[in-house]
Amino acid sequence: MRAPGVASAVCIAARHPKWEGRPLFLVVKELGGTLTTAGLPAFLDSQIAK
């Protein structure tokens, strides 16, 4: 899957007090890209089953 405006990304497990682990996404924006903090979740919501 390729998200618009993302140069690279990784998902790692992060500790959480209630759950064993939660996903943590680290994202690098493309140089000159227009990626926003609202745009990426909106894109992922349209691509990933819930």
N, C-alpha and C. Protein backbone atom coordinates (compact mmCIF):
# COMPACT_ATOMS: atom_id res chain seq x y z
N MET A 1 0.85 -1.16 0.00
CA MET A 1 0.00 0.00 0.00
C MET A 1 0.90 1.23 0.00
N ARG A 2 0.57 2.21 -0.77
CA ARG A 2 1.33 3.45 -0.85
C ARG A 2 0.41 4.61 -0.54
N ALA A 3 0.73 5.35 0.51
CA ALA A 3 -0.08 6.51 0.90
C ALA A 3 0.47 7.75 0.22
N PRO A 4 -0.38 8.60 -0.31
CA PRO A 4 0.09 9.81 -0.95
C PRO A 4 0.84 10.71 0.03
N GLY A 5 2.00 11.21 -0.40
CA GLY A 5 2.77 12.13 0.42
C GLY A 5 3.69 11.48 1.44
N VAL A 6 3.75 10.13 1.45
CA VAL A 6 4.58 9.42 2.42
C VAL A 6 5.83 8.88 1.71
N ALA A 7 7.02 9.28 2.20
CA ALA A 7 8.27 8.77 1.64
C ALA A 7 8.57 7.39 2.20
N SER A 8 8.41 7.20 3.50
CA SER A 8 8.59 5.89 4.12
C SER A 8 7.82 5.84 5.43
N ALA A 9 7.54 4.62 5.87
CA ALA A 9 6.79 4.44 7.11
C ALA A 9 7.08 3.08 7.70
N VAL A 10 6.88 2.99 9.00
CA VAL A 10 7.05 1.72 9.71
C VAL A 10 6.02 1.69 10.84
N CYS A 11 5.57 0.49 11.17
CA CYS A 11 4.64 0.31 12.29
C CYS A 11 5.32 -0.59 13.31
N ILE A 12 5.36 -0.13 14.56
CA ILE A 12 5.98 -0.91 15.63
C ILE A 12 4.99 -1.06 16.78
N ALA A 13 5.27 -1.98 17.67
CA ALA A 13 4.43 -2.16 18.85
C ALA A 13 4.91 -1.22 19.95
N ALA A 14 3.96 -0.55 20.57
CA ALA A 14 4.26 0.36 21.68
C ALA A 14 3.53 -0.15 22.92
N ARG A 15 4.18 -0.08 24.05
CA ARG A 15 3.54 -0.52 25.30
C ARG A 15 2.35 0.36 25.62
N HIS A 16 1.35 -0.26 26.22
CA HIS A 16 0.14 0.46 26.61
C HIS A 16 -0.31 -0.09 27.96
N PRO A 17 -0.72 0.78 28.88
CA PRO A 17 -1.08 0.31 30.22
C PRO A 17 -2.31 -0.60 30.25
N LYS A 18 -3.24 -0.43 29.31
CA LYS A 18 -4.46 -1.24 29.31
C LYS A 18 -4.33 -2.49 28.44
N TRP A 19 -3.70 -2.35 27.28
CA TRP A 19 -3.52 -3.45 26.36
C TRP A 19 -2.04 -3.84 26.34
N GLU A 20 -1.75 -5.05 25.89
CA GLU A 20 -0.35 -5.49 25.82
C GLU A 20 0.48 -4.56 24.96
N GLY A 21 -0.02 -4.23 23.81
CA GLY A 21 0.69 -3.35 22.89
C GLY A 21 -0.27 -2.69 21.93
N ARG A 22 0.13 -1.57 21.43
CA ARG A 22 -0.68 -0.82 20.45
C ARG A 22 0.23 -0.49 19.28
N PRO A 23 -0.33 -0.37 18.07
CA PRO A 23 0.51 0.00 16.94
C PRO A 23 0.92 1.47 17.02
N LEU A 24 2.15 1.73 16.67
CA LEU A 24 2.67 3.09 16.59
C LEU A 24 3.28 3.25 15.21
N PHE A 25 2.76 4.18 14.43
CA PHE A 25 3.24 4.42 13.08
C PHE A 25 4.22 5.57 13.08
N LEU A 26 5.37 5.36 12.48
CA LEU A 26 6.37 6.41 12.29
C LEU A 26 6.41 6.70 10.79
N VAL A 27 6.15 7.95 10.42
CA VAL A 27 5.98 8.31 9.01
C VAL A 27 6.91 9.45 8.65
N VAL A 28 7.55 9.32 7.48
CA VAL A 28 8.40 10.38 6.93
C VAL A 28 7.68 10.95 5.72
N LYS A 29 7.43 12.23 5.76
CA LYS A 29 6.73 12.92 4.68
C LYS A 29 7.64 13.09 3.47
N GLU A 30 7.07 12.95 2.27
CA GLU A 30 7.83 13.21 1.05
C GLU A 30 8.28 14.66 1.02
N LEU A 31 9.46 14.91 0.51
CA LEU A 31 9.97 16.27 0.37
C LEU A 31 9.01 17.06 -0.51
N GLY A 32 8.51 18.15 0.00
CA GLY A 32 7.56 18.98 -0.74
C GLY A 32 6.15 18.41 -0.77
N GLY A 33 5.92 17.32 -0.04
CA GLY A 33 4.59 16.69 -0.02
C GLY A 33 3.58 17.51 0.77
N THR A 34 2.33 17.17 0.59
CA THR A 34 1.24 17.91 1.24
C THR A 34 0.53 17.07 2.29
N LEU A 35 1.20 16.05 2.79
CA LEU A 35 0.63 15.18 3.81
C LEU A 35 0.25 15.98 5.05
N THR A 36 -0.93 15.68 5.61
CA THR A 36 -1.38 16.34 6.84
C THR A 36 -1.69 15.29 7.89
N THR A 37 -1.77 15.71 9.14
CA THR A 37 -2.10 14.78 10.22
C THR A 37 -3.53 14.27 10.08
N ALA A 38 -4.39 14.99 9.41
CA ALA A 38 -5.76 14.52 9.18
C ALA A 38 -5.84 13.67 7.92
N GLY A 39 -5.00 13.94 6.95
CA GLY A 39 -5.06 13.24 5.67
C GLY A 39 -4.65 11.79 5.73
N LEU A 40 -3.64 11.46 6.51
CA LEU A 40 -3.17 10.08 6.56
C LEU A 40 -4.20 9.15 7.21
N PRO A 41 -4.77 9.49 8.38
CA PRO A 41 -5.82 8.61 8.93
C PRO A 41 -7.02 8.46 7.99
N ALA A 42 -7.38 9.52 7.30
CA ALA A 42 -8.50 9.44 6.36
C ALA A 42 -8.18 8.47 5.23
N PHE A 43 -6.95 8.52 4.73
CA PHE A 43 -6.54 7.59 3.68
C PHE A 43 -6.56 6.15 4.20
N LEU A 44 -5.99 5.93 5.38
CA LEU A 44 -5.94 4.57 5.94
C LEU A 44 -7.33 4.02 6.22
N ASP A 45 -8.25 4.87 6.68
CA ASP A 45 -9.63 4.42 6.93
C ASP A 45 -10.27 3.89 5.66
N SER A 46 -9.89 4.45 4.51
CA SER A 46 -10.48 4.02 3.25
C SER A 46 -9.80 2.76 2.70
N GLN A 47 -8.67 2.35 3.27
CA GLN A 47 -7.90 1.23 2.75
C GLN A 47 -7.89 -0.02 3.63
N ILE A 48 -8.13 0.15 4.93
CA ILE A 48 -7.98 -0.95 5.89
C ILE A 48 -9.35 -1.34 6.45
N ALA A 49 -9.62 -2.65 6.46
CA ALA A 49 -10.89 -3.14 7.02
C ALA A 49 -10.87 -2.97 8.53
N LYS A 50 -12.04 -2.69 9.08
CA LYS A 50 -12.15 -2.50 10.53
C LYS A 50 -12.74 -3.71 11.19
